[in-house]
Amino acid sequence: MYNGDCEVYIIRYFNVWFYLFAKTETDNYKIKMLGERISAGNSMKMKDIHWWCTRHSIKYQMEFEYRKEYPIRANIWNFYSYCRFKLAMSYPNSGRMGAK
């Protein structure tokens, strides 16, 4: 997806890295506003970040990273949640991840 003609912003949600791709100045502005919301303490889950990107036409990719500072059970649970989320995104009409 990334081919060098856009700016990349990174958001970390526990073990998951979100890479948001801004192709225009408007995209840059939107993503910076999202960053300010998160910095201000607004709680966002993976699905919230996904829906925000979808609504604002921002392309993104996700990547799971094992974190040594987390207990093994937390890493396993976070990986399970990540996989479940990815699966739900693959089958959006399954009713499990419906729009808010």
PDB file of N, CA and C in Angstrom:
ATOM      1  N   MET A   1       0.828  -1.186   0.000  1.00  0.00           N
ATOM      2  CA  MET A   1       0.000   0.000   0.000  1.00  0.00           C
ATOM      3  C   MET A   1       0.871   1.248   0.000  1.00  0.00           C
ATOM      4  N   TYR A   2       1.956   1.235   0.743  1.00  0.00           N
ATOM      5  CA  TYR A   2       2.819   2.417   0.822  1.00  0.00           C
ATOM      6  C   TYR A   2       3.812   2.393  -0.325  1.00  0.00           C
ATOM      7  N   ASN A   3       3.840   3.447  -1.107  1.00  0.00           N
ATOM      8  CA  ASN A   3       4.758   3.491  -2.246  1.00  0.00           C
ATOM      9  C   ASN A   3       5.601   4.758  -2.250  1.00  0.00           C
ATOM     10  N   GLY A   4       5.687   5.445  -1.142  1.00  0.00           N
ATOM     11  CA  GLY A   4       6.564   6.600  -1.033  1.00  0.00           C
ATOM     12  C   GLY A   4       5.936   7.929  -1.386  1.00  0.00           C
ATOM     13  N   ASP A   5       4.716   7.930  -1.907  1.00  0.00           N
ATOM     14  CA  ASP A   5       4.100   9.198  -2.294  1.00  0.00           C
ATOM     15  C   ASP A   5       3.132   9.728  -1.234  1.00  0.00           C
ATOM     16  N   CYS A   6       3.244   9.226  -0.017  1.00  0.00           N
ATOM     17  CA  CYS A   6       2.381   9.708   1.054  1.00  0.00           C
ATOM     18  C   CYS A   6       3.159   9.727   2.369  1.00  0.00           C
ATOM     19  N   GLU A   7       2.582  10.442   3.323  1.00  0.00           N
ATOM     20  CA  GLU A   7       3.182  10.520   4.654  1.00  0.00           C
ATOM     21  C   GLU A   7       2.556   9.441   5.530  1.00  0.00           C
ATOM     22  N   VAL A   8       3.368   8.831   6.382  1.00  0.00           N
ATOM     23  CA  VAL A   8       2.880   7.743   7.229  1.00  0.00           C
ATOM     24  C   VAL A   8       2.848   8.208   8.680  1.00  0.00           C
ATOM     25  N   TYR A   9       1.701   7.980   9.336  1.00  0.00           N
ATOM     26  CA  TYR A   9       1.540   8.270  10.759  1.00  0.00           C
ATOM     27  C   TYR A   9       1.338   6.944  11.476  1.00  0.00           C
ATOM     28  N   ILE A  10       1.851   6.868  12.699  1.00  0.00           N
ATOM     29  CA  ILE A  10       1.782   5.613  13.445  1.00  0.00           C
ATOM     30  C   ILE A  10       1.031   5.825  14.752  1.00  0.00           C
ATOM     31  N   ILE A  11       0.095   4.906  15.020  1.00  0.00           N
ATOM     32  CA  ILE A  11      -0.645   4.892  16.278  1.00  0.00           C
ATOM     33  C   ILE A  11      -0.439   3.509  16.884  1.00  0.00           C
ATOM     34  N   ARG A  12      -0.135   3.461  18.174  1.00  0.00           N
ATOM     35  CA  ARG A  12      -0.014   2.166  18.835  1.00  0.00           C
ATOM     36  C   ARG A  12      -1.201   1.959  19.760  1.00  0.00           C
ATOM     37  N   TYR A  13      -1.843   0.816  19.603  1.00  0.00           N
ATOM     38  CA  TYR A  13      -2.944   0.398  20.471  1.00  0.00           C
ATOM     39  C   TYR A  13      -2.515  -0.922  21.104  1.00  0.00           C
ATOM     40  N   PHE A  14      -2.022  -0.878  22.329  1.00  0.00           N
ATOM     41  CA  PHE A  14      -1.444  -2.024  23.026  1.00  0.00           C
ATOM     42  C   PHE A  14      -0.376  -2.675  22.146  1.00  0.00           C
ATOM     43  N   ASN A  15      -0.625  -3.875  21.637  1.00  0.00           N
ATOM     44  CA  ASN A  15       0.365  -4.583  20.823  1.00  0.00           C
ATOM     45  C   ASN A  15       0.208  -4.299  19.331  1.00  0.00           C
ATOM     46  N   VAL A  16      -0.731  -3.487  18.954  1.00  0.00           N
ATOM     47  CA  VAL A  16      -1.039  -3.290  17.535  1.00  0.00           C
ATOM     48  C   VAL A  16      -0.566  -1.918  17.068  1.00  0.00           C
ATOM     49  N   TRP A  17       0.175  -1.935  15.970  1.00  0.00           N
ATOM     50  CA  TRP A  17       0.606  -0.703  15.310  1.00  0.00           C
ATOM     51  C   TRP A  17      -0.351  -0.416  14.166  1.00  0.00           C
ATOM     52  N   PHE A  18      -0.895   0.789  14.136  1.00  0.00           N
ATOM     53  CA  PHE A  18      -1.700   1.253  13.014  1.00  0.00           C
ATOM     54  C   PHE A  18      -0.822   2.204  12.207  1.00  0.00           C
ATOM     55  N   TYR A  19      -0.701   1.948  10.913  1.00  0.00           N
ATOM     56  CA  TYR A  19       0.026   2.826  10.005  1.00  0.00           C
ATOM     57  C   TYR A  19      -1.010   3.530   9.134  1.00  0.00           C
ATOM     58  N   LEU A  20      -1.163   4.834   9.325  1.00  0.00           N
ATOM     59  CA  LEU A  20      -2.128   5.622   8.571  1.00  0.00           C
ATOM     60  C   LEU A  20      -1.394   6.373   7.465  1.00  0.00           C
ATOM     61  N   PHE A  21      -1.947   6.326   6.258  1.00  0.00           N
ATOM     62  CA  PHE A  21      -1.296   6.904   5.082  1.00  0.00           C
ATOM     63  C   PHE A  21      -2.022   8.156   4.625  1.00  0.00           C
ATOM     64  N   ALA A  22      -1.309   9.273   4.671  1.00  0.00           N
ATOM     65  CA  ALA A  22      -1.876  10.565   4.263  1.00  0.00           C
ATOM     66  C   ALA A  22      -1.328  10.932   2.890  1.00  0.00           C
ATOM     67  N   LYS A  23      -2.220  11.037   1.920  1.00  0.00           N
ATOM     68  CA  LYS A  23      -1.806  11.378   0.552  1.00  0.00           C
ATOM     69  C   LYS A  23      -1.930  12.872   0.267  1.00  0.00           C
ATOM     70  N   THR A  24      -2.782  13.560   1.022  1.00  0.00           N
ATOM     71  CA  THR A  24      -3.014  14.986   0.775  1.00  0.00           C
ATOM     72  C   THR A  24      -2.818  15.771   2.064  1.00  0.00           C
ATOM     73  N   GLU A  25      -2.778  17.083   1.937  1.00  0.00           N
ATOM     74  CA  GLU A  25      -2.693  17.943   3.117  1.00  0.00           C
ATOM     75  C   GLU A  25      -3.943  17.793   3.989  1.00  0.00           C
ATOM     76  N   THR A  26      -5.071  17.566   3.354  1.00  0.00           N
ATOM     77  CA  THR A  26      -6.313  17.352   4.104  1.00  0.00           C
ATOM     78  C   THR A  26      -6.207  16.088   4.945  1.00  0.00           C
ATOM     79  N   ASP A  27      -5.646  15.021   4.362  1.00  0.00           N
ATOM     80  CA  ASP A  27      -5.431  13.782   5.123  1.00  0.00           C
ATOM     81  C   ASP A  27      -4.502  14.032   6.304  1.00  0.00           C
ATOM     82  N   ASN A  28      -3.425  14.797   6.056  1.00  0.00           N
ATOM     83  CA  ASN A  28      -2.494  15.138   7.144  1.00  0.00           C
ATOM     84  C   ASN A  28      -3.233  15.844   8.279  1.00  0.00           C
ATOM     85  N   TYR A  29      -4.067  16.804   7.924  1.00  0.00           N
ATOM     86  CA  TYR A  29      -4.818  17.561   8.918  1.00  0.00           C
ATOM     87  C   TYR A  29      -5.755  16.646   9.707  1.00  0.00           C
ATOM     88  N   LYS A  30      -6.497  15.789   8.994  1.00  0.00           N
ATOM     89  CA  LYS A  30      -7.426  14.876   9.658  1.00  0.00           C
ATOM     90  C   LYS A  30      -6.705  13.972  10.647  1.00  0.00           C
ATOM     91  N   ILE A  31      -5.570  13.421  10.232  1.00  0.00           N
ATOM     92  CA  ILE A  31      -4.827  12.502  11.089  1.00  0.00           C
ATOM     93  C   ILE A  31      -4.250  13.234  12.296  1.00  0.00           C
ATOM     94  N   LYS A  32      -3.791  14.458  12.093  1.00  0.00           N
ATOM     95  CA  LYS A  32      -3.294  15.238  13.226  1.00  0.00           C
ATOM     96  C   LYS A  32      -4.413  15.531  14.228  1.00  0.00           C
ATOM     97  N   MET A  33      -5.615  15.780  13.731  1.00  0.00           N
ATOM     98  CA  MET A  33      -6.762  15.995  14.625  1.00  0.00           C
ATOM     99  C   MET A  33      -7.082  14.714  15.405  1.00  0.00           C
ATOM    100  N   LEU A  34      -6.975  13.570  14.751  1.00  0.00           N
ATOM    101  CA  LEU A  34      -7.169  12.290  15.444  1.00  0.00           C
ATOM    102  C   LEU A  34      -6.118  12.130  16.537  1.00  0.00           C
ATOM    103  N   GLY A  35      -4.868  12.444  16.223  1.00  0.00           N
ATOM    104  CA  GLY A  35      -3.792  12.371  17.213  1.00  0.00           C
ATOM    105  C   GLY A  35      -4.040  13.269  18.404  1.00  0.00           C
ATOM    106  N   GLU A  36      -4.557  14.463  18.148  1.00  0.00           N
ATOM    107  CA  GLU A  36      -4.875  15.382  19.242  1.00  0.00           C
ATOM    108  C   GLU A  36      -5.994  14.829  20.118  1.00  0.00           C
ATOM    109  N   ARG A  37      -6.986  14.204  19.500  1.00  0.00           N
ATOM    110  CA  ARG A  37      -8.077  13.584  20.280  1.00  0.00           C
ATOM    111  C   ARG A  37      -7.532  12.486  21.185  1.00  0.00           C
ATOM    112  N   ILE A  38      -6.666  11.653  20.628  1.00  0.00           N
ATOM    113  CA  ILE A  38      -6.095  10.559  21.408  1.00  0.00           C
ATOM    114  C   ILE A  38      -5.205  11.116  22.522  1.00  0.00           C
ATOM    115  N   SER A  39      -4.392  12.113  22.208  1.00  0.00           N
ATOM    116  CA  SER A  39      -3.517  12.736  23.212  1.00  0.00           C
ATOM    117  C   SER A  39      -4.317  13.405  24.328  1.00  0.00           C
ATOM    118  N   ALA A  40      -5.500  13.889  23.992  1.00  0.00           N
ATOM    119  CA  ALA A  40      -6.357  14.550  24.986  1.00  0.00           C
ATOM    120  C   ALA A  40      -7.032  13.543  25.917  1.00  0.00           C
ATOM    121  N   GLY A  41      -6.866  12.256  25.629  1.00  0.00           N
ATOM    122  CA  GLY A  41      -7.418  11.242  26.522  1.00  0.00           C
ATOM    123  C   GLY A  41      -8.672  10.551  26.027  1.00  0.00           C
ATOM    124  N   ASN A  42      -9.106  10.854  24.801  1.00  0.00           N
ATOM    125  CA  ASN A  42     -10.270  10.149  24.264  1.00  0.00           C
ATOM    126  C   ASN A  42      -9.918   8.684  24.057  1.00  0.00           C
ATOM    127  N   SER A  43     -10.702   7.819  24.654  1.00  0.00           N
ATOM    128  CA  SER A  43     -10.466   6.384  24.557  1.00  0.00           C
ATOM    129  C   SER A  43     -10.914   5.874  23.192  1.00  0.00           C
ATOM    130  N   MET A  44     -10.023   5.169  22.511  1.00  0.00           N
ATOM    131  CA  MET A  44     -10.357   4.597  21.207  1.00  0.00           C
ATOM    132  C   MET A  44      -9.891   3.153  21.175  1.00  0.00           C
ATOM    133  N   LYS A  45     -10.762   2.279  20.723  1.00  0.00           N
ATOM    134  CA  LYS A  45     -10.425   0.873  20.546  1.00  0.00           C
ATOM    135  C   LYS A  45     -10.036   0.647  19.095  1.00  0.00           C
ATOM    136  N   MET A  46      -9.601  -0.581  18.786  1.00  0.00           N
ATOM    137  CA  MET A  46      -9.209  -0.885  17.408  1.00  0.00           C
ATOM    138  C   MET A  46     -10.338  -0.579  16.440  1.00  0.00           C
ATOM    139  N   LYS A  47     -11.568  -0.987  16.794  1.00  0.00           N
ATOM    140  CA  LYS A  47     -12.681  -0.754  15.869  1.00  0.00           C
ATOM    141  C   LYS A  47     -12.965   0.738  15.714  1.00  0.00           C
ATOM    142  N   ASP A  48     -12.718   1.525  16.763  1.00  0.00           N
ATOM    143  CA  ASP A  48     -12.919   2.978  16.660  1.00  0.00           C
ATOM    144  C   ASP A  48     -11.923   3.603  15.680  1.00  0.00           C
ATOM    145  N   ILE A  49     -10.677   3.157  15.761  1.00  0.00           N
ATOM    146  CA  ILE A  49      -9.660   3.663  14.827  1.00  0.00           C
ATOM    147  C   ILE A  49     -10.017   3.229  13.412  1.00  0.00           C
ATOM    148  N   HIS A  50     -10.431   1.976  13.263  1.00  0.00           N
ATOM    149  CA  HIS A  50     -10.842   1.478  11.940  1.00  0.00           C
ATOM    150  C   HIS A  50     -11.973   2.317  11.370  1.00  0.00           C
ATOM    151  N   TRP A  51     -13.043   2.523  12.169  1.00  0.00           N
ATOM    152  CA  TRP A  51     -14.194   3.279  11.665  1.00  0.00           C
ATOM    153  C   TRP A  51     -13.838   4.731  11.383  1.00  0.00           C
ATOM    154  N   TRP A  52     -12.962   5.315  12.213  1.00  0.00           N
ATOM    155  CA  TRP A  52     -12.534   6.687  11.954  1.00  0.00           C
ATOM    156  C   TRP A  52     -11.840   6.753  10.594  1.00  0.00           C
ATOM    157  N   CYS A  53     -10.901   5.834  10.362  1.00  0.00           N
ATOM    158  CA  CYS A  53     -10.179   5.810   9.079  1.00  0.00           C
ATOM    159  C   CYS A  53     -11.136   5.597   7.912  1.00  0.00           C
ATOM    160  N   THR A  54     -12.086   4.695   8.093  1.00  0.00           N
ATOM    161  CA  THR A  54     -13.058   4.411   7.032  1.00  0.00           C
ATOM    162  C   THR A  54     -13.894   5.645   6.719  1.00  0.00           C
ATOM    163  N   ARG A  55     -14.395   6.299   7.751  1.00  0.00           N
ATOM    164  CA  ARG A  55     -15.241   7.482   7.549  1.00  0.00           C
ATOM    165  C   ARG A  55     -14.489   8.645   6.912  1.00  0.00           C
ATOM    166  N   HIS A  56     -13.188   8.728   7.186  1.00  0.00           N
ATOM    167  CA  HIS A  56     -12.399   9.834   6.653  1.00  0.00           C
ATOM    168  C   HIS A  56     -11.580   9.443   5.432  1.00  0.00           C
ATOM    169  N   SER A  57     -11.837   8.258   4.888  1.00  0.00           N
ATOM    170  CA  SER A  57     -11.155   7.754   3.686  1.00  0.00           C
ATOM    171  C   SER A  57      -9.637   7.750   3.834  1.00  0.00           C
ATOM    172  N   ILE A  58      -9.173   7.337   5.007  1.00  0.00           N
ATOM    173  CA  ILE A  58      -7.736   7.229   5.275  1.00  0.00           C
ATOM    174  C   ILE A  58      -7.357   5.756   5.167  1.00  0.00           C
ATOM    175  N   LYS A  59      -6.413   5.459   4.297  1.00  0.00           N
ATOM    176  CA  LYS A  59      -5.918   4.089   4.160  1.00  0.00           C
ATOM    177  C   LYS A  59      -5.020   3.776   5.349  1.00  0.00           C
ATOM    178  N   TYR A  60      -5.077   2.520   5.802  1.00  0.00           N
ATOM    179  CA  TYR A  60      -4.247   2.131   6.930  1.00  0.00           C
ATOM    180  C   TYR A  60      -3.890   0.656   6.846  1.00  0.00           C
ATOM    181  N   GLN A  61      -2.855   0.289   7.586  1.00  0.00           N
ATOM    182  CA  GLN A  61      -2.469  -1.102   7.765  1.00  0.00           C
ATOM    183  C   GLN A  61      -2.244  -1.318   9.253  1.00  0.00           C
ATOM    184  N   MET A  62      -2.375  -2.579   9.678  1.00  0.00           N
ATOM    185  CA  MET A  62      -2.151  -2.917  11.079  1.00  0.00           C
ATOM    186  C   MET A  62      -1.089  -4.005  11.159  1.00  0.00           C
ATOM    187  N   GLU A  63      -0.379  -3.995  12.281  1.00  0.00           N
ATOM    188  CA  GLU A  63       0.654  -5.001  12.510  1.00  0.00           C
ATOM    189  C   GLU A  63       0.692  -5.311  14.003  1.00  0.00           C
ATOM    190  N   PHE A  64       0.739  -6.606  14.335  1.00  0.00           N
ATOM    191  CA  PHE A  64       0.834  -7.028  15.724  1.00  0.00           C
ATOM    192  C   PHE A  64       2.301  -7.155  16.109  1.00  0.00           C
ATOM    193  N   GLU A  65       2.636  -6.722  17.324  1.00  0.00           N
ATOM    194  CA  GLU A  65       4.009  -6.848  17.816  1.00  0.00           C
ATOM    195  C   GLU A  65       3.977  -7.451  19.222  1.00  0.00           C
ATOM    196  N   TYR A  66       4.703  -8.536  19.399  1.00  0.00           N
ATOM    197  CA  TYR A  66       4.856  -9.129  20.728  1.00  0.00           C
ATOM    198  C   TYR A  66       5.652  -8.148  21.578  1.00  0.00           C
ATOM    199  N   ARG A  67       5.146  -7.847  22.782  1.00  0.00           N
ATOM    200  CA  ARG A  67       5.823  -6.876  23.652  1.00  0.00           C
ATOM    201  C   ARG A  67       6.335  -7.573  24.898  1.00  0.00           C
ATOM    202  N   LYS A  68       7.641  -7.543  25.060  1.00  0.00           N
ATOM    203  CA  LYS A  68       8.289  -8.239  26.174  1.00  0.00           C
ATOM    204  C   LYS A  68       7.887  -7.685  27.531  1.00  0.00           C
ATOM    205  N   GLU A  69       7.496  -6.416  27.585  1.00  0.00           N
ATOM    206  CA  GLU A  69       7.126  -5.814  28.869  1.00  0.00           C
ATOM    207  C   GLU A  69       5.744  -6.262  29.342  1.00  0.00           C
ATOM    208  N   TYR A  70       4.983  -6.934  28.476  1.00  0.00           N
ATOM    209  CA  TYR A  70       3.678  -7.472  28.860  1.00  0.00           C
ATOM    210  C   TYR A  70       3.833  -8.931  29.285  1.00  0.00           C
ATOM    211  N   PRO A  71       3.024  -9.382  30.235  1.00  0.00           N
ATOM    212  CA  PRO A  71       3.027 -10.811  30.587  1.00  0.00           C
ATOM    213  C   PRO A  71       2.598 -11.647  29.376  1.00  0.00           C
ATOM    214  N   ILE A  72       3.013 -12.895  29.365  1.00  0.00           N
ATOM    215  CA  ILE A  72       2.701 -13.779  28.232  1.00  0.00           C
ATOM    216  C   ILE A  72       1.200 -13.885  28.005  1.00  0.00           C
ATOM    217  N   ARG A  73       0.421 -13.959  29.083  1.00  0.00           N
ATOM    218  CA  ARG A  73      -1.043 -14.048  28.943  1.00  0.00           C
ATOM    219  C   ARG A  73      -1.614 -12.804  28.272  1.00  0.00           C
ATOM    220  N   ALA A  74      -1.095 -11.646  28.619  1.00  0.00           N
ATOM    221  CA  ALA A  74      -1.573 -10.407  27.995  1.00  0.00           C
ATOM    222  C   ALA A  74      -1.245 -10.408  26.504  1.00  0.00           C
ATOM    223  N   ASN A  75      -0.042 -10.855  26.155  1.00  0.00           N
ATOM    224  CA  ASN A  75       0.327 -10.930  24.746  1.00  0.00           C
ATOM    225  C   ASN A  75      -0.577 -11.897  23.990  1.00  0.00           C
ATOM    226  N   ILE A  76      -0.850 -13.030  24.592  1.00  0.00           N
ATOM    227  CA  ILE A  76      -1.726 -14.014  23.945  1.00  0.00           C
ATOM    228  C   ILE A  76      -3.130 -13.446  23.773  1.00  0.00           C
ATOM    229  N   TRP A  77      -3.660 -12.821  24.828  1.00  0.00           N
ATOM    230  CA  TRP A  77      -5.000 -12.243  24.740  1.00  0.00           C
ATOM    231  C   TRP A  77      -5.050 -11.134  23.691  1.00  0.00           C
ATOM    232  N   ASN A  78      -4.031 -10.275  23.667  1.00  0.00           N
ATOM    233  CA  ASN A  78      -4.001  -9.190  22.692  1.00  0.00           C
ATOM    234  C   ASN A  78      -3.890  -9.727  21.266  1.00  0.00           C
ATOM    235  N   PHE A  79      -3.122 -10.809  21.088  1.00  0.00           N
ATOM    236  CA  PHE A  79      -3.008 -11.413  19.759  1.00  0.00           C
ATOM    237  C   PHE A  79      -4.349 -12.020  19.344  1.00  0.00           C
ATOM    238  N   TYR A  80      -5.020 -12.686  20.280  1.00  0.00           N
ATOM    239  CA  TYR A  80      -6.347 -13.239  20.010  1.00  0.00           C
ATOM    240  C   TYR A  80      -7.311 -12.119  19.595  1.00  0.00           C
ATOM    241  N   SER A  81      -7.308 -11.014  20.336  1.00  0.00           N
ATOM    242  CA  SER A  81      -8.192  -9.885  20.018  1.00  0.00           C
ATOM    243  C   SER A  81      -7.871  -9.307  18.641  1.00  0.00           C
ATOM    244  N   TYR A  82      -6.582  -9.204  18.340  1.00  0.00           N
ATOM    245  CA  TYR A  82      -6.137  -8.695  17.038  1.00  0.00           C
ATOM    246  C   TYR A  82      -6.632  -9.616  15.918  1.00  0.00           C
ATOM    247  N   CYS A  83      -6.439 -10.920  16.077  1.00  0.00           N
ATOM    248  CA  CYS A  83      -6.876 -11.878  15.053  1.00  0.00           C
ATOM    249  C   CYS A  83      -8.389 -11.860  14.884  1.00  0.00           C
ATOM    250  N   ARG A  84      -9.105 -11.802  15.992  1.00  0.00           N
ATOM    251  CA  ARG A  84     -10.562 -11.735  15.937  1.00  0.00           C
ATOM    252  C   ARG A  84     -11.018 -10.477  15.198  1.00  0.00           C
ATOM    253  N   PHE A  85     -10.356  -9.350  15.463  1.00  0.00           N
ATOM    254  CA  PHE A  85     -10.684  -8.098  14.797  1.00  0.00           C
ATOM    255  C   PHE A  85     -10.405  -8.198  13.297  1.00  0.00           C
ATOM    256  N   LYS A  86      -9.230  -8.734  12.941  1.00  0.00           N
ATOM    257  CA  LYS A  86      -8.879  -8.879  11.521  1.00  0.00           C
ATOM    258  C   LYS A  86      -9.878  -9.780  10.804  1.00  0.00           C
ATOM    259  N   LEU A  87     -10.285 -10.856  11.471  1.00  0.00           N
ATOM    260  CA  LEU A  87     -11.266 -11.760  10.886  1.00  0.00           C
ATOM    261  C   LEU A  87     -12.606 -11.054  10.686  1.00  0.00           C
ATOM    262  N   ALA A  88     -13.015 -10.291  11.678  1.00  0.00           N
ATOM    263  CA  ALA A  88     -14.275  -9.549  11.567  1.00  0.00           C
ATOM    264  C   ALA A  88     -14.209  -8.531  10.431  1.00  0.00           C
ATOM    265  N   MET A  89     -13.047  -7.931  10.212  1.00  0.00           N
ATOM    266  CA  MET A  89     -12.896  -6.975   9.121  1.00  0.00           C
ATOM    267  C   MET A  89     -12.917  -7.670   7.762  1.00  0.00           C
ATOM    268  N   SER A  90     -12.523  -8.947   7.739  1.00  0.00           N
ATOM    269  CA  SER A  90     -12.550  -9.722   6.495  1.00  0.00           C
ATOM    270  C   SER A  90     -13.969 -10.099   6.102  1.00  0.00           C
ATOM    271  N   TYR A  91     -14.852 -10.203   7.100  1.00  0.00           N
ATOM    272  CA  TYR A  91     -16.250 -10.565   6.874  1.00  0.00           C
ATOM    273  C   TYR A  91     -17.142  -9.505   7.509  1.00  0.00           C
ATOM    274  N   PRO A  92     -17.182  -8.309   6.908  1.00  0.00           N
ATOM    275  CA  PRO A  92     -17.890  -7.191   7.544  1.00  0.00           C
ATOM    276  C   PRO A  92     -19.391  -7.391   7.699  1.00  0.00           C
ATOM    277  N   ASN A  93     -20.004  -8.274   6.922  1.00  0.00           N
ATOM    278  CA  ASN A  93     -21.452  -8.470   7.017  1.00  0.00           C
ATOM    279  C   ASN A  93     -21.838  -9.553   8.010  1.00  0.00           C
ATOM    280  N   SER A  94     -20.879 -10.000   8.819  1.00  0.00           N
ATOM    281  CA  SER A  94     -21.184 -11.067   9.766  1.00  0.00           C
ATOM    282  C   SER A  94     -21.993 -10.556  10.961  1.00  0.00           C
ATOM    283  N   GLY A  95     -22.093  -9.224  11.115  1.00  0.00           N
ATOM    284  CA  GLY A  95     -22.890  -8.653  12.191  1.00  0.00           C
ATOM    285  C   GLY A  95     -22.111  -8.445  13.487  1.00  0.00           C
ATOM    286  N   ARG A  96     -20.879  -8.902  13.570  1.00  0.00           N
ATOM    287  CA  ARG A  96     -20.102  -8.793  14.791  1.00  0.00           C
ATOM    288  C   ARG A  96     -19.447  -7.422  14.941  1.00  0.00           C
ATOM    289  N   MET A  97     -19.129  -6.763  13.861  1.00  0.00           N
ATOM    290  CA  MET A  97     -18.436  -5.471  13.929  1.00  0.00           C
ATOM    291  C   MET A  97     -19.250  -4.387  13.228  1.00  0.00           C
ATOM    292  N   GLY A  98     -20.538  -4.393  13.427  1.00  0.00           N
ATOM    293  CA  GLY A  98     -21.395  -3.421  12.768  1.00  0.00           C
ATOM    294  C   GLY A  98     -21.027  -1.986  13.098  1.00  0.00           C
ATOM    295  N   ALA A  99     -21.472  -1.084  12.267  1.00  0.00           N
ATOM    296  CA  ALA A  99     -21.189   0.336  12.471  1.00  0.00           C
ATOM    297  C   ALA A  99     -21.807   0.798  13.781  1.00  0.00           C
ATOM    298  N   LYS A 100     -21.175   1.786  14.385  1.00  0.00           N
ATOM    299  CA  LYS A 100     -21.646   2.318  15.663  1.00  0.00           C
ATOM    300  C   LYS A 100     -22.941   3.061  15.480  1.00  0.00           C
TER     301      LYS A 100
END
